[in-house]
Amino acid sequence: MLRAGVDDRLIVVTPGIRPVENRPVDDQKRVVGVAEAFGNGSDYIVVGRPIRDAADPRIAAEAIQATIAGLFPRP
């Protein structure tokens, strides 16, 4: 909704990103997934606890990066 009301000169940053599997036990009221955030017009996302609190933060971060790469495939 925000993207529809502003031009492309503004950057939209979405905090509170949670992978779908993290949602049921989450402590946030409003969260969105990676694909949902970019689909809604985000330019950048902020992912904190799902990476920090993961058993293996590197694997968690790489999984999120893989999701992003799938949304924006290189030609």
Protein backbone atom coordinates (compact mmCIF):
# COMPACT_ATOMS: atom_id res chain seq x y z
CA MET A 1 0.00 0.00 0.00
CA LEU A 2 2.85 2.38 0.83
CA ARG A 3 4.61 1.69 -2.47
CA ALA A 4 1.45 2.64 -4.40
CA GLY A 5 1.41 6.03 -2.69
CA VAL A 6 5.07 6.98 -3.12
CA ASP A 7 7.37 7.18 -6.08
CA ASP A 8 10.43 4.98 -6.60
CA ARG A 9 12.79 7.59 -5.16
CA LEU A 10 11.90 6.50 -1.64
CA ILE A 11 13.33 3.31 -0.19
CA VAL A 12 10.93 0.99 1.61
CA VAL A 13 12.52 -1.01 4.45
CA THR A 14 10.47 -3.75 6.12
CA PRO A 15 11.47 -4.93 9.61
CA GLY A 16 10.07 -7.98 11.39
CA ILE A 17 10.76 -10.47 8.63
CA ARG A 18 10.17 -14.05 9.71
CA PRO A 19 10.48 -17.20 7.64
CA VAL A 20 7.13 -18.97 7.48
CA GLU A 21 8.33 -21.77 9.77
CA ASN A 22 9.10 -19.22 12.54
CA ARG A 23 5.65 -17.66 12.64
CA PRO A 24 3.69 -19.95 15.00
CA VAL A 25 5.97 -19.38 18.00
CA ASP A 26 6.89 -15.80 17.26
CA ASP A 27 6.59 -12.92 19.69
CA GLN A 28 5.76 -10.24 17.13
CA LYS A 29 2.22 -9.10 16.42
CA ARG A 30 2.81 -8.26 12.77
CA VAL A 31 5.31 -10.20 10.77
CA VAL A 32 5.74 -10.95 7.09
CA GLY A 33 7.78 -13.46 5.20
CA VAL A 34 10.56 -12.69 2.77
CA ALA A 35 8.50 -13.20 -0.40
CA GLU A 36 5.54 -11.34 1.05
CA ALA A 37 7.68 -8.32 1.96
CA PHE A 38 9.20 -8.01 -1.50
CA GLY A 39 5.83 -8.75 -3.10
CA ASN A 40 4.39 -5.83 -1.14
CA GLY A 41 7.04 -3.46 -2.52
CA SER A 42 9.92 -3.59 -0.04
CA ASP A 43 13.34 -2.62 -1.28
CA TYR A 44 15.15 -3.97 1.78
CA ILE A 45 14.23 -6.31 4.61
CA VAL A 46 15.44 -6.52 8.21
CA VAL A 47 15.89 -10.01 9.64
CA GLY A 48 17.15 -10.29 13.21
CA ARG A 49 16.08 -12.99 15.61
CA PRO A 50 15.38 -15.73 13.06
CA ILE A 51 19.10 -15.61 12.22
CA ARG A 52 20.50 -14.69 15.63
CA ASP A 53 18.50 -17.34 17.48
CA ALA A 54 18.89 -20.12 14.91
CA ALA A 55 20.79 -23.26 15.85
CA ASP A 56 23.11 -22.41 12.94
CA PRO A 57 22.86 -18.70 12.07
CA ARG A 58 24.87 -19.11 8.89
CA ILE A 59 22.49 -21.74 7.52
CA ALA A 60 19.51 -19.58 8.49
CA ALA A 61 20.97 -16.54 6.71
CA GLU A 62 21.85 -18.58 3.64
CA ALA A 63 18.31 -19.97 3.48
CA ILE A 64 16.90 -16.43 3.50
CA GLN A 65 19.39 -15.39 0.83
CA ALA A 66 18.35 -18.37 -1.29
CA THR A 67 14.72 -17.30 -0.99
CA ILE A 68 15.64 -13.80 -2.15
CA ALA A 69 17.69 -15.16 -5.04
CA GLY A 70 14.68 -17.21 -6.13
CA LEU A 71 12.53 -14.08 -6.17
CA PHE A 72 15.02 -12.09 -8.24
CA PRO A 73 16.74 -14.53 -10.60
CA ARG A 74 19.68 -13.18 -12.56
CA PRO A 75 19.32 -13.20 -16.34
